[in-house]
């Protein structure tokens, strides 16, 4: 009889842990952002840009450990967006793993984006049946010699377009895609308006061929 009491005492905590694990799993939201980004209607600038997208950018996953656990993989989608936008903005764009690869590829400008911050607003916070997403990027811009030109903080915002989506995953995917599209618009409109970048563009009206660079 005593042995049965000990067995029950052991099983109850184990059962509690199992139930807790199931409840935690049920409360977690896992999203892979799968947005599509059309070509931008803009006149391309006559430069070769090197877009440095390292593993921390291409594999970026947002993790929230607040009241509702959210894991959102947006690295693949934001990589697709940045490649699309910079291909449209410049006559030539190359994706690089590191800035050290730029000199050998006849690069004029080097752009290194970083994810600075991601914020979410869930329905239980806003008291509205919409999801909101804020993205903040830090874009570091360098010349072909690796000297810094600008350090630009850029923010973007998106929310669900309808209150009647099937799941939280679908809603967050939609809101984040909207935020990424907003980031694309901000890149196209704002990049040339950053004072330091504008000054560099005015001082370099066109790309300098590699053969001429050695004589400068």
N, C-alpha and C. Protein backbone atom coordinates (compact mmCIF):
# COMPACT_ATOMS: atom_id res chain seq x y z
N UNK A 1 0.82 -1.20 0.00
CA UNK A 1 0.00 0.00 0.00
C UNK A 1 0.86 1.26 0.00
N UNK A 2 1.91 1.23 0.83
CA UNK A 2 2.84 2.36 0.91
C UNK A 2 3.53 2.58 -0.42
N UNK A 3 3.86 1.48 -1.10
CA UNK A 3 4.52 1.58 -2.40
C UNK A 3 3.59 2.24 -3.43
N UNK A 4 2.29 1.92 -3.39
CA UNK A 4 1.33 2.51 -4.31
C UNK A 4 1.22 4.01 -4.10
N UNK A 5 1.27 4.47 -2.85
CA UNK A 5 1.21 5.90 -2.56
C UNK A 5 2.42 6.60 -3.14
N UNK A 6 3.61 5.96 -3.01
CA UNK A 6 4.83 6.56 -3.57
C UNK A 6 4.74 6.66 -5.08
N UNK A 7 4.20 5.62 -5.71
CA UNK A 7 4.08 5.61 -7.16
C UNK A 7 3.15 6.71 -7.63
N UNK A 8 2.01 6.87 -6.93
CA UNK A 8 1.06 7.93 -7.28
C UNK A 8 1.70 9.29 -7.08
N UNK A 9 2.51 9.45 -6.06
CA UNK A 9 3.17 10.72 -5.77
C UNK A 9 4.14 11.09 -6.89
N UNK A 10 4.78 10.08 -7.45
CA UNK A 10 5.72 10.32 -8.54
C UNK A 10 4.99 10.63 -9.84
N UNK A 11 3.88 9.92 -10.11
CA UNK A 11 3.18 10.06 -11.38
C UNK A 11 2.48 11.40 -11.51
N UNK A 12 1.94 11.92 -10.43
CA UNK A 12 1.18 13.17 -10.49
C UNK A 12 2.03 14.35 -10.97
N UNK A 13 3.23 14.56 -10.39
CA UNK A 13 4.07 15.65 -10.90
C UNK A 13 4.44 15.44 -12.37
N UNK A 14 4.73 14.19 -12.76
CA UNK A 14 5.08 13.92 -14.15
C UNK A 14 3.91 14.26 -15.07
N UNK A 15 2.70 13.89 -14.67
CA UNK A 15 1.52 14.19 -15.46
C UNK A 15 1.32 15.70 -15.57
N UNK A 16 1.59 16.41 -14.48
CA UNK A 16 1.47 17.86 -14.48
C UNK A 16 2.43 18.48 -15.48
N UNK A 17 3.66 17.96 -15.53
CA UNK A 17 4.66 18.47 -16.48
C UNK A 17 4.24 18.23 -17.92
N UNK A 18 3.67 17.06 -18.18
CA UNK A 18 3.21 16.74 -19.53
C UNK A 18 2.10 17.69 -19.96
N UNK A 19 1.13 17.92 -19.07
CA UNK A 19 0.02 18.82 -19.37
C UNK A 19 0.54 20.24 -19.61
N UNK A 20 1.46 20.67 -18.78
CA UNK A 20 2.04 22.01 -18.93
C UNK A 20 2.74 22.16 -20.26
N UNK A 21 3.47 21.12 -20.68
CA UNK A 21 4.17 21.15 -21.95
C UNK A 21 3.20 21.25 -23.11
N UNK A 22 2.09 20.51 -23.02
CA UNK A 22 1.07 20.55 -24.08
C UNK A 22 0.45 21.93 -24.16
N UNK A 23 0.16 22.54 -23.00
CA UNK A 23 -0.44 23.86 -22.99
C UNK A 23 0.50 24.91 -23.55
N UNK A 24 1.79 24.80 -23.22
CA UNK A 24 2.77 25.75 -23.74
C UNK A 24 2.89 25.62 -25.25
N UNK A 25 2.90 24.39 -25.75
CA UNK A 25 2.98 24.16 -27.19
C UNK A 25 1.76 24.73 -27.90
N UNK A 26 0.59 24.57 -27.26
CA UNK A 26 -0.64 25.07 -27.86
C UNK A 26 -0.66 26.59 -27.92
N UNK A 27 0.04 27.25 -27.00
CA UNK A 27 0.06 28.71 -26.96
C UNK A 27 1.14 29.32 -27.86
N UNK A 28 2.02 28.52 -28.40
CA UNK A 28 3.09 29.05 -29.24
C UNK A 28 2.60 29.23 -30.67
N UNK A 29 3.13 30.26 -31.34
CA UNK A 29 2.79 30.56 -32.73
C UNK A 29 4.06 30.54 -33.55
N UNK A 30 4.13 29.69 -34.55
CA UNK A 30 5.31 29.56 -35.40
C UNK A 30 4.96 29.99 -36.81
N UNK A 31 5.69 30.98 -37.32
CA UNK A 31 5.37 31.57 -38.61
C UNK A 31 6.62 31.62 -39.48
N UNK A 32 6.48 31.24 -40.74
CA UNK A 32 7.51 31.47 -41.75
C UNK A 32 6.94 32.46 -42.75
N UNK A 33 7.51 33.65 -42.80
CA UNK A 33 6.98 34.71 -43.66
C UNK A 33 7.25 34.37 -45.12
N UNK A 34 6.21 34.45 -45.94
CA UNK A 34 6.31 33.98 -47.33
C UNK A 34 5.83 35.04 -48.30
N UNK A 35 6.17 36.30 -48.06
CA UNK A 35 5.67 37.38 -48.90
C UNK A 35 6.24 37.38 -50.31
N UNK A 36 5.49 38.02 -51.20
CA UNK A 36 5.93 38.20 -52.58
C UNK A 36 6.08 39.69 -52.84
N UNK A 37 7.16 40.08 -53.55
CA UNK A 37 7.47 41.49 -53.72
C UNK A 37 7.68 41.82 -55.19
N UNK A 38 6.77 42.58 -55.77
CA UNK A 38 6.88 42.91 -57.19
C UNK A 38 8.03 43.88 -57.45
N UNK A 39 8.43 43.97 -58.72
CA UNK A 39 9.50 44.90 -59.09
C UNK A 39 9.05 46.34 -58.84
N UNK A 40 10.01 47.15 -58.43
CA UNK A 40 9.72 48.55 -58.14
C UNK A 40 9.80 49.38 -59.42
N UNK A 41 8.86 50.32 -59.55
CA UNK A 41 8.86 51.22 -60.70
C UNK A 41 9.75 52.42 -60.39
N UNK A 42 11.04 52.26 -60.63
CA UNK A 42 11.99 53.33 -60.34
C UNK A 42 13.12 53.29 -61.35
N UNK A 43 13.73 54.44 -61.60
CA UNK A 43 14.85 54.52 -62.52
C UNK A 43 16.11 54.06 -61.81
N UNK A 44 16.80 53.10 -62.38
CA UNK A 44 17.99 52.55 -61.72
C UNK A 44 19.16 53.53 -61.78
N UNK A 45 19.94 53.56 -60.72
CA UNK A 45 21.12 54.42 -60.65
C UNK A 45 22.32 53.68 -61.26
N UNK A 46 23.22 54.40 -61.93
CA UNK A 46 24.30 53.76 -62.70
C UNK A 46 25.48 53.30 -61.84
N UNK A 47 25.21 52.43 -60.89
CA UNK A 47 26.27 51.95 -60.01
C UNK A 47 26.11 50.45 -59.80
N UNK A 48 27.21 49.84 -59.39
CA UNK A 48 27.20 48.44 -58.98
C UNK A 48 27.22 48.41 -57.46
N UNK A 49 26.15 47.94 -56.85
CA UNK A 49 26.06 47.89 -55.40
C UNK A 49 26.32 46.47 -54.91
N UNK A 50 27.07 46.37 -53.83
CA UNK A 50 27.30 45.09 -53.17
C UNK A 50 26.46 45.01 -51.92
N UNK A 51 25.50 44.10 -51.90
CA UNK A 51 24.58 43.96 -50.77
C UNK A 51 25.08 42.83 -49.89
N UNK A 52 25.58 43.19 -48.71
CA UNK A 52 26.17 42.21 -47.80
C UNK A 52 25.08 41.65 -46.88
N UNK A 53 24.70 40.41 -47.14
CA UNK A 53 23.67 39.74 -46.34
C UNK A 53 24.30 38.51 -45.70
N UNK A 54 24.66 38.63 -44.42
CA UNK A 54 25.30 37.52 -43.74
C UNK A 54 24.25 36.56 -43.18
N UNK A 55 24.73 35.51 -42.51
CA UNK A 55 23.81 34.48 -42.01
C UNK A 55 22.82 35.03 -40.98
N UNK A 56 23.24 36.02 -40.20
CA UNK A 56 22.34 36.58 -39.19
C UNK A 56 21.16 37.31 -39.83
N UNK A 57 21.34 37.74 -41.08
CA UNK A 57 20.26 38.42 -41.80
C UNK A 57 19.42 37.43 -42.60
N UNK A 58 20.09 36.55 -43.34
CA UNK A 58 19.35 35.62 -44.21
C UNK A 58 18.61 34.54 -43.42
N UNK A 59 19.06 34.27 -42.18
CA UNK A 59 18.41 33.25 -41.36
C UNK A 59 17.72 33.85 -40.13
N UNK A 60 17.42 35.14 -40.18
CA UNK A 60 16.90 35.82 -39.01
C UNK A 60 15.54 35.26 -38.57
N UNK A 61 15.40 34.99 -37.28
CA UNK A 61 14.14 34.54 -36.69
C UNK A 61 13.84 35.39 -35.46
N UNK A 62 12.66 35.96 -35.43
CA UNK A 62 12.22 36.73 -34.27
C UNK A 62 11.60 35.78 -33.26
N UNK A 63 11.98 35.93 -31.99
CA UNK A 63 11.44 35.09 -30.93
C UNK A 63 10.92 35.97 -29.80
N UNK A 64 9.68 35.74 -29.42
CA UNK A 64 9.08 36.51 -28.34
C UNK A 64 8.72 35.56 -27.21
N UNK A 65 9.14 35.88 -26.01
CA UNK A 65 8.84 35.04 -24.87
C UNK A 65 7.88 35.69 -23.91
N UNK A 66 6.97 36.50 -24.44
CA UNK A 66 6.05 37.24 -23.59
C UNK A 66 4.80 36.40 -23.32
N UNK A 67 3.65 37.04 -23.20
CA UNK A 67 2.44 36.32 -22.83
C UNK A 67 2.10 35.22 -23.83
N UNK A 68 2.41 35.47 -25.10
CA UNK A 68 2.17 34.46 -26.13
C UNK A 68 3.46 34.24 -26.89
N UNK A 69 3.96 33.02 -26.87
CA UNK A 69 5.24 32.71 -27.48
C UNK A 69 5.11 32.73 -29.00
N UNK A 70 5.93 33.57 -29.66
CA UNK A 70 5.90 33.70 -31.12
C UNK A 70 7.29 33.48 -31.67
N UNK A 71 7.40 32.59 -32.64
CA UNK A 71 8.65 32.38 -33.38
C UNK A 71 8.36 32.68 -34.85
N UNK A 72 9.02 33.70 -35.38
CA UNK A 72 8.71 34.14 -36.74
C UNK A 72 9.99 34.19 -37.58
N UNK A 73 10.08 33.30 -38.56
CA UNK A 73 11.23 33.24 -39.45
C UNK A 73 11.00 34.19 -40.62
N UNK A 74 11.73 35.31 -40.64
CA UNK A 74 11.56 36.27 -41.73
C UNK A 74 12.85 36.50 -42.52
N UNK A 75 13.90 35.72 -42.22
CA UNK A 75 15.17 35.89 -42.91
C UNK A 75 15.07 35.68 -44.41
N UNK A 76 14.41 34.61 -44.83
CA UNK A 76 14.31 34.30 -46.26
C UNK A 76 13.51 35.37 -46.99
N UNK A 77 12.43 35.83 -46.37
CA UNK A 77 11.56 36.81 -47.02
C UNK A 77 12.22 38.18 -47.11
N UNK A 78 12.92 38.62 -46.06
CA UNK A 78 13.57 39.92 -46.11
C UNK A 78 14.78 39.90 -47.05
N UNK A 79 15.43 38.73 -47.17
CA UNK A 79 16.51 38.60 -48.14
C UNK A 79 15.98 38.76 -49.56
N UNK A 80 14.84 38.15 -49.83
CA UNK A 80 14.20 38.27 -51.13
C UNK A 80 13.84 39.72 -51.42
N UNK A 81 13.30 40.42 -50.42
CA UNK A 81 12.91 41.81 -50.60
C UNK A 81 14.12 42.69 -50.91
N UNK A 82 15.16 42.61 -50.10
CA UNK A 82 16.32 43.48 -50.27
C UNK A 82 17.00 43.22 -51.62
N UNK A 83 17.11 41.97 -52.01
CA UNK A 83 17.69 41.68 -53.32
C UNK A 83 16.85 42.28 -54.44
N UNK A 84 15.53 42.18 -54.32
CA UNK A 84 14.63 42.72 -55.34
C UNK A 84 14.76 44.24 -55.43
N UNK A 85 14.72 44.91 -54.29
CA UNK A 85 14.74 46.37 -54.27
C UNK A 85 16.06 46.91 -54.79
N UNK A 86 17.18 46.36 -54.35
CA UNK A 86 18.47 46.89 -54.78
C UNK A 86 18.77 46.53 -56.24
N UNK A 87 18.22 45.45 -56.73
CA UNK A 87 18.34 45.13 -58.15
C UNK A 87 17.58 46.15 -58.99
N UNK A 88 16.46 46.65 -58.45
CA UNK A 88 15.66 47.66 -59.16
C UNK A 88 16.29 49.04 -59.04
N UNK A 89 16.90 49.34 -57.90
CA UNK A 89 17.43 50.67 -57.65
C UNK A 89 18.75 50.93 -58.38
N UNK A 90 19.52 49.88 -58.64
CA UNK A 90 20.84 50.05 -59.24
C UNK A 90 20.96 49.26 -60.54
N UNK A 91 21.85 49.73 -61.41
CA UNK A 91 22.02 49.04 -62.69
C UNK A 91 22.58 47.65 -62.51
N UNK A 92 23.29 47.43 -61.39
CA UNK A 92 23.80 46.10 -61.09
C UNK A 92 23.86 45.91 -59.58
N UNK A 93 23.46 44.73 -59.13
CA UNK A 93 23.47 44.42 -57.70
C UNK A 93 24.00 43.01 -57.49
N UNK A 94 24.90 42.85 -56.51
CA UNK A 94 25.46 41.54 -56.19
C UNK A 94 25.29 41.28 -54.71
N UNK A 95 24.82 40.08 -54.36
CA UNK A 95 24.73 39.70 -52.96
C UNK A 95 26.06 39.14 -52.52
N UNK A 96 26.57 39.66 -51.39
CA UNK A 96 27.86 39.23 -50.85
C UNK A 96 27.66 38.67 -49.45
N UNK A 97 28.54 37.75 -49.07
CA UNK A 97 28.52 37.21 -47.71
C UNK A 97 29.25 38.14 -46.76
N UNK A 98 30.36 38.74 -47.24
CA UNK A 98 31.12 39.70 -46.43
C UNK A 98 31.57 40.85 -47.32
N UNK A 99 31.86 41.99 -46.69
CA UNK A 99 32.29 43.17 -47.45
C UNK A 99 33.68 42.98 -48.06
N UNK A 100 34.45 42.04 -47.55
CA UNK A 100 35.81 41.82 -48.06
C UNK A 100 35.80 41.30 -49.50
N UNK A 101 34.64 40.81 -49.96
CA UNK A 101 34.54 40.32 -51.34
C UNK A 101 34.32 41.44 -52.36
N UNK A 102 34.06 42.65 -51.89
CA UNK A 102 33.67 43.74 -52.78
C UNK A 102 34.77 44.21 -53.74
N UNK A 103 36.03 44.43 -53.30
CA UNK A 103 37.04 44.99 -54.20
C UNK A 103 37.24 44.20 -55.49
N UNK A 104 37.13 42.89 -55.43
CA UNK A 104 37.38 42.06 -56.61
C UNK A 104 36.22 42.05 -57.59
N UNK A 105 35.08 42.66 -57.22
CA UNK A 105 33.89 42.58 -58.07
C UNK A 105 33.47 43.92 -58.66
N UNK A 106 34.39 44.89 -58.67
CA UNK A 106 34.08 46.18 -59.30
C UNK A 106 32.87 46.85 -58.66
N UNK A 107 32.82 46.83 -57.32
CA UNK A 107 31.70 47.38 -56.56
C UNK A 107 31.88 48.88 -56.35
N UNK A 108 30.82 49.65 -56.49
CA UNK A 108 30.86 51.09 -56.22
C UNK A 108 30.42 51.41 -54.80
N UNK A 109 29.32 50.80 -54.38
CA UNK A 109 28.78 51.03 -53.05
C UNK A 109 28.57 49.70 -52.34
N UNK A 110 28.82 49.69 -51.04
CA UNK A 110 28.60 48.50 -50.22
C UNK A 110 27.51 48.84 -49.21
N UNK A 111 26.47 48.03 -49.17
CA UNK A 111 25.35 48.24 -48.24
C UNK A 111 25.24 47.02 -47.34
N UNK A 112 25.27 47.27 -46.02
CA UNK A 112 25.20 46.18 -45.04
C UNK A 112 23.98 46.43 -44.13
N UNK A 113 22.86 45.74 -44.38
CA UNK A 113 21.68 45.91 -43.52
C UNK A 113 21.70 44.98 -42.31
N UNK A 114 21.19 45.48 -41.20
CA UNK A 114 21.05 44.68 -39.98
C UNK A 114 19.62 44.85 -39.46
N UNK A 115 19.08 43.80 -38.86
CA UNK A 115 17.78 43.92 -38.18
C UNK A 115 18.04 44.52 -36.82
N UNK A 116 17.52 45.73 -36.62
CA UNK A 116 17.74 46.43 -35.36
C UNK A 116 16.70 46.05 -34.31
N UNK A 117 15.43 45.91 -34.76
CA UNK A 117 14.35 45.64 -33.80
C UNK A 117 13.11 45.13 -34.54
N UNK A 118 12.38 44.24 -33.89
CA UNK A 118 11.08 43.77 -34.37
C UNK A 118 10.10 43.87 -33.22
N UNK A 119 8.93 44.44 -33.47
CA UNK A 119 7.89 44.55 -32.46
C UNK A 119 6.57 44.04 -33.02
N UNK A 120 5.82 43.36 -32.17
CA UNK A 120 4.51 42.85 -32.55
C UNK A 120 3.45 43.40 -31.61
N UNK A 121 2.25 43.62 -32.14
CA UNK A 121 1.09 43.95 -31.31
C UNK A 121 0.02 42.93 -31.63
N UNK A 122 -0.33 42.13 -30.63
CA UNK A 122 -1.31 41.06 -30.79
C UNK A 122 -2.70 41.57 -30.41
N UNK A 123 -3.76 40.89 -30.85
CA UNK A 123 -5.13 41.35 -30.54
C UNK A 123 -5.40 41.53 -29.06
N UNK A 124 -4.83 40.68 -28.20
CA UNK A 124 -5.11 40.81 -26.77
C UNK A 124 -4.47 42.07 -26.20
N UNK A 125 -3.49 42.66 -26.94
CA UNK A 125 -2.87 43.91 -26.50
C UNK A 125 -3.61 45.13 -27.05
N UNK A 126 -4.00 45.06 -28.31
CA UNK A 126 -4.64 46.20 -28.96
C UNK A 126 -6.15 46.25 -28.76
N UNK A 127 -6.73 45.11 -28.29
CA UNK A 127 -8.18 44.97 -28.13
C UNK A 127 -8.91 45.09 -29.48
N UNK A 128 -8.17 44.90 -30.55
CA UNK A 128 -8.73 44.86 -31.90
C UNK A 128 -8.31 43.54 -32.54
N UNK A 129 -9.13 43.04 -33.45
CA UNK A 129 -8.81 41.77 -34.08
C UNK A 129 -7.87 41.97 -35.26
N UNK A 130 -6.77 42.68 -35.00
CA UNK A 130 -5.74 42.89 -36.02
C UNK A 130 -4.37 42.64 -35.39
N UNK A 131 -3.41 42.28 -36.23
CA UNK A 131 -2.03 42.09 -35.81
C UNK A 131 -1.19 43.20 -36.44
N UNK A 132 -0.29 43.77 -35.67
CA UNK A 132 0.57 44.84 -36.16
C UNK A 132 2.04 44.44 -36.00
N UNK A 133 2.85 44.85 -36.95
CA UNK A 133 4.28 44.52 -36.94
C UNK A 133 5.08 45.78 -37.26
N UNK A 134 6.12 46.03 -36.46
CA UNK A 134 7.06 47.11 -36.72
C UNK A 134 8.45 46.50 -36.94
N UNK A 135 9.12 46.96 -37.97
CA UNK A 135 10.48 46.51 -38.27
C UNK A 135 11.41 47.72 -38.27
N UNK A 136 12.59 47.56 -37.72
CA UNK A 136 13.59 48.63 -37.77
C UNK A 136 14.89 48.03 -38.29
N UNK A 137 15.43 48.65 -39.35
CA UNK A 137 16.68 48.21 -39.94
C UNK A 137 17.75 49.29 -39.79
N UNK A 138 18.97 48.85 -39.64
CA UNK A 138 20.13 49.74 -39.66
C UNK A 138 20.91 49.42 -40.94
N UNK A 139 20.99 50.38 -41.86
CA UNK A 139 21.72 50.18 -43.10
C UNK A 139 23.02 50.97 -43.05
N UNK A 140 24.12 50.24 -43.07
CA UNK A 140 25.45 50.86 -43.12
C UNK A 140 25.90 50.88 -44.57
N UNK A 141 26.34 52.05 -45.03
CA UNK A 141 26.75 52.22 -46.43
C UNK A 141 28.22 52.63 -46.46
N UNK A 142 28.99 51.96 -47.34
CA UNK A 142 30.42 52.21 -47.47
C UNK A 142 30.77 52.45 -48.94
N UNK A 143 31.88 53.15 -49.19
CA UNK A 143 32.35 53.28 -50.55
C UNK A 143 33.18 52.06 -50.93
N UNK A 144 33.72 52.06 -52.14
CA UNK A 144 34.44 50.88 -52.64
C UNK A 144 35.69 50.55 -51.84
N UNK A 145 36.25 51.55 -51.14
CA UNK A 145 37.43 51.32 -50.31
C UNK A 145 37.06 50.84 -48.90
N UNK A 146 35.77 50.72 -48.63
CA UNK A 146 35.32 50.29 -47.32
C UNK A 146 35.21 51.41 -46.31
N UNK A 147 35.30 52.65 -46.78
CA UNK A 147 35.17 53.80 -45.87
C UNK A 147 33.68 54.11 -45.65
N UNK A 148 33.28 54.40 -44.42
CA UNK A 148 31.85 54.63 -44.14
C UNK A 148 31.32 55.89 -44.80
N UNK A 149 30.12 55.78 -45.36
CA UNK A 149 29.42 56.92 -45.96
C UNK A 149 28.24 57.32 -45.10
N UNK A 150 27.43 56.35 -44.71
CA UNK A 150 26.22 56.67 -43.95
C UNK A 150 25.84 55.51 -43.05
N UNK A 151 25.08 55.85 -42.00
CA UNK A 151 24.53 54.86 -41.06
C UNK A 151 23.07 55.24 -40.88
N UNK A 152 22.17 54.52 -41.56
CA UNK A 152 20.78 54.94 -41.69
C UNK A 152 19.85 53.98 -40.95
N UNK A 153 19.07 54.53 -40.02
CA UNK A 153 18.03 53.76 -39.34
C UNK A 153 16.71 53.94 -40.08
N UNK A 154 16.10 52.84 -40.47
CA UNK A 154 14.87 52.89 -41.26
C UNK A 154 13.80 52.01 -40.61
N UNK A 155 12.61 52.58 -40.41
CA UNK A 155 11.52 51.84 -39.77
C UNK A 155 10.41 51.56 -40.78
N UNK A 156 9.68 50.46 -40.56
CA UNK A 156 8.56 50.08 -41.43
C UNK A 156 7.45 49.50 -40.57
N UNK A 157 6.23 49.56 -41.11
CA UNK A 157 5.05 49.14 -40.34
C UNK A 157 4.08 48.38 -41.24
N UNK A 158 3.44 47.37 -40.67
CA UNK A 158 2.42 46.63 -41.41
C UNK A 158 1.39 46.06 -40.45
N UNK A 159 0.17 45.82 -40.97
CA UNK A 159 -0.87 45.19 -40.16
C UNK A 159 -1.73 44.32 -41.07
N UNK A 160 -2.52 43.47 -40.43
CA UNK A 160 -3.43 42.63 -41.20
C UNK A 160 -4.47 43.50 -41.89
N UNK A 161 -4.85 43.11 -43.10
CA UNK A 161 -5.81 43.87 -43.88
C UNK A 161 -7.25 43.44 -43.61
N UNK A 162 -7.43 42.33 -42.94
CA UNK A 162 -8.77 41.85 -42.63
C UNK A 162 -8.80 41.29 -41.22
N UNK A 163 -9.95 41.35 -40.58
CA UNK A 163 -10.09 40.84 -39.22
C UNK A 163 -10.60 39.41 -39.18
N UNK A 164 -10.75 38.82 -40.34
CA UNK A 164 -11.37 37.49 -40.38
C UNK A 164 -10.44 36.48 -41.06
N UNK A 165 -9.26 36.32 -40.51
CA UNK A 165 -8.31 35.35 -41.02
C UNK A 165 -8.45 34.03 -40.27
N UNK A 166 -8.00 32.96 -40.90
CA UNK A 166 -8.23 31.63 -40.35
C UNK A 166 -7.37 31.34 -39.13
N UNK A 167 -6.18 31.92 -39.05
CA UNK A 167 -5.27 31.57 -37.97
C UNK A 167 -4.36 32.74 -37.62
N UNK A 168 -3.73 32.65 -36.44
CA UNK A 168 -2.76 33.66 -36.05
C UNK A 168 -1.55 33.64 -36.98
N UNK A 169 -1.14 32.44 -37.42
CA UNK A 169 0.00 32.33 -38.32
C UNK A 169 -0.25 33.09 -39.62
N UNK A 170 -1.45 32.93 -40.17
CA UNK A 170 -1.80 33.63 -41.41
C UNK A 170 -1.82 35.14 -41.19
N UNK A 171 -2.35 35.56 -40.05
CA UNK A 171 -2.45 36.98 -39.75
C UNK A 171 -1.06 37.60 -39.60
N UNK A 172 -0.16 36.93 -38.87
CA UNK A 172 1.18 37.46 -38.68
C UNK A 172 1.97 37.46 -39.99
N UNK A 173 1.77 36.44 -40.81
CA UNK A 173 2.42 36.41 -42.12
C UNK A 173 1.97 37.61 -42.94
N UNK A 174 0.69 37.88 -42.96
CA UNK A 174 0.16 39.00 -43.73
C UNK A 174 0.68 40.33 -43.20
N UNK A 175 0.67 40.52 -41.88
CA UNK A 175 1.12 41.78 -41.29
C UNK A 175 2.61 42.00 -41.53
N UNK A 176 3.40 40.95 -41.40
CA UNK A 176 4.85 41.09 -41.61
C UNK A 176 5.17 41.34 -43.07
N UNK A 177 4.46 40.70 -43.98
CA UNK A 177 4.64 40.96 -45.40
C UNK A 177 4.33 42.41 -45.73
N UNK A 178 3.26 42.94 -45.11
CA UNK A 178 2.92 44.35 -45.31
C UNK A 178 4.03 45.26 -44.79
N UNK A 179 4.62 44.90 -43.65
CA UNK A 179 5.72 45.69 -43.09
C UNK A 179 6.95 45.64 -44.00
N UNK A 180 7.24 44.47 -44.58
CA UNK A 180 8.38 44.35 -45.49
C UNK A 180 8.15 45.15 -46.77
N UNK A 181 6.92 45.15 -47.26
CA UNK A 181 6.63 45.96 -48.44
C UNK A 181 6.78 47.45 -48.13
N UNK A 182 6.38 47.84 -46.93
CA UNK A 182 6.58 49.23 -46.50
C UNK A 182 8.08 49.54 -46.43
N UNK A 183 8.87 48.58 -45.96
CA UNK A 183 10.33 48.77 -45.93
C UNK A 183 10.88 48.96 -47.34
N UNK A 184 10.34 48.21 -48.32
CA UNK A 184 10.77 48.38 -49.70
C UNK A 184 10.49 49.77 -50.23
N UNK A 185 9.31 50.30 -49.91
CA UNK A 185 8.96 51.66 -50.33
C UNK A 185 9.89 52.67 -49.67
N UNK A 186 10.17 52.48 -48.38
CA UNK A 186 11.05 53.41 -47.66
C UNK A 186 12.46 53.37 -48.26
N UNK A 187 12.92 52.20 -48.67
CA UNK A 187 14.24 52.09 -49.29
C UNK A 187 14.30 52.88 -50.59
N UNK A 188 13.30 52.71 -51.43
CA UNK A 188 13.29 53.37 -52.73
C UNK A 188 13.21 54.89 -52.58
N UNK A 189 12.33 55.34 -51.69
CA UNK A 189 12.12 56.78 -51.53
C UNK A 189 13.23 57.43 -50.70
N UNK A 190 13.63 56.74 -49.62
CA UNK A 190 14.52 57.38 -48.65
C UNK A 190 16.01 57.25 -48.89
N UNK A 191 16.43 56.22 -49.63
CA UNK A 191 17.87 55.96 -49.76
C UNK A 191 18.62 57.17 -50.30
N UNK A 192 18.15 57.75 -51.40
CA UNK A 192 18.84 58.88 -52.03
C UNK A 192 18.69 60.18 -51.24
N UNK A 193 17.75 60.18 -50.27
CA UNK A 193 17.52 61.39 -49.49
C UNK A 193 18.38 61.47 -48.24
N UNK A 194 19.03 60.37 -47.87
CA UNK A 194 19.95 60.42 -46.73
C UNK A 194 21.08 61.40 -47.09
N UNK A 195 21.31 62.45 -46.31
CA UNK A 195 22.26 63.51 -46.71
C UNK A 195 23.63 62.99 -47.15
N UNK A 196 24.21 62.06 -46.39
CA UNK A 196 25.55 61.58 -46.73
C UNK A 196 25.55 60.78 -48.04
N UNK A 197 24.48 60.01 -48.26
CA UNK A 197 24.38 59.25 -49.50
C UNK A 197 24.14 60.20 -50.68
N UNK A 198 23.28 61.19 -50.48
CA UNK A 198 23.01 62.18 -51.53
C UNK A 198 24.30 62.89 -51.93
N UNK A 199 25.13 63.26 -50.95
CA UNK A 199 26.39 63.94 -51.25
C UNK A 199 27.31 63.04 -52.06
N UNK A 200 27.36 61.75 -51.70
CA UNK A 200 28.22 60.82 -52.43
C UNK A 200 27.74 60.67 -53.87
N UNK A 201 26.43 60.55 -54.08
CA UNK A 201 25.89 60.40 -55.42
C UNK A 201 26.19 61.63 -56.28
N UNK A 202 26.08 62.81 -55.69
CA UNK A 202 26.37 64.04 -56.42
C UNK A 202 27.84 64.14 -56.79
N UNK A 203 28.71 63.60 -55.93
CA UNK A 203 30.15 63.65 -56.21
C UNK A 203 30.58 62.54 -57.17
N UNK A 204 29.74 61.54 -57.37
CA UNK A 204 30.05 60.43 -58.27
C UNK A 204 28.85 60.22 -59.20
N UNK A 205 28.75 61.03 -60.25
CA UNK A 205 27.57 60.95 -61.13
C UNK A 205 27.42 59.65 -61.89
N UNK A 206 28.49 58.85 -61.95
CA UNK A 206 28.39 57.56 -62.62
C UNK A 206 29.45 56.61 -62.05
N UNK A 207 29.29 55.35 -62.37
CA UNK A 207 30.23 54.34 -61.90
C UNK A 207 31.59 54.54 -62.55
N UNK A 208 32.66 54.33 -61.78
CA UNK A 208 34.01 54.43 -62.31
C UNK A 208 34.49 53.05 -62.73
N UNK A 209 34.85 52.86 -64.02
CA UNK A 209 35.34 51.55 -64.46
C UNK A 209 36.56 51.12 -63.67
N UNK A 210 36.68 49.81 -63.48
CA UNK A 210 37.79 49.27 -62.69
C UNK A 210 39.13 49.67 -63.26
N UNK A 211 39.25 49.77 -64.59
CA UNK A 211 40.52 50.10 -65.22
C UNK A 211 40.97 51.50 -64.86
N UNK A 212 40.00 52.42 -64.60
CA UNK A 212 40.35 53.79 -64.26
C UNK A 212 40.66 53.98 -62.78
N UNK A 213 40.25 53.03 -61.97
CA UNK A 213 40.41 53.21 -60.53
C UNK A 213 41.87 53.15 -60.10
N UNK A 214 42.63 52.35 -60.79
CA UNK A 214 44.04 52.22 -60.42
C UNK A 214 44.84 53.45 -60.71
N UNK A 215 44.36 54.30 -61.65
CA UNK A 215 45.09 55.51 -62.00
C UNK A 215 44.68 56.72 -61.19
N UNK A 216 43.65 56.52 -60.32
CA UNK A 216 43.17 57.66 -59.53
C UNK A 216 44.00 57.84 -58.25
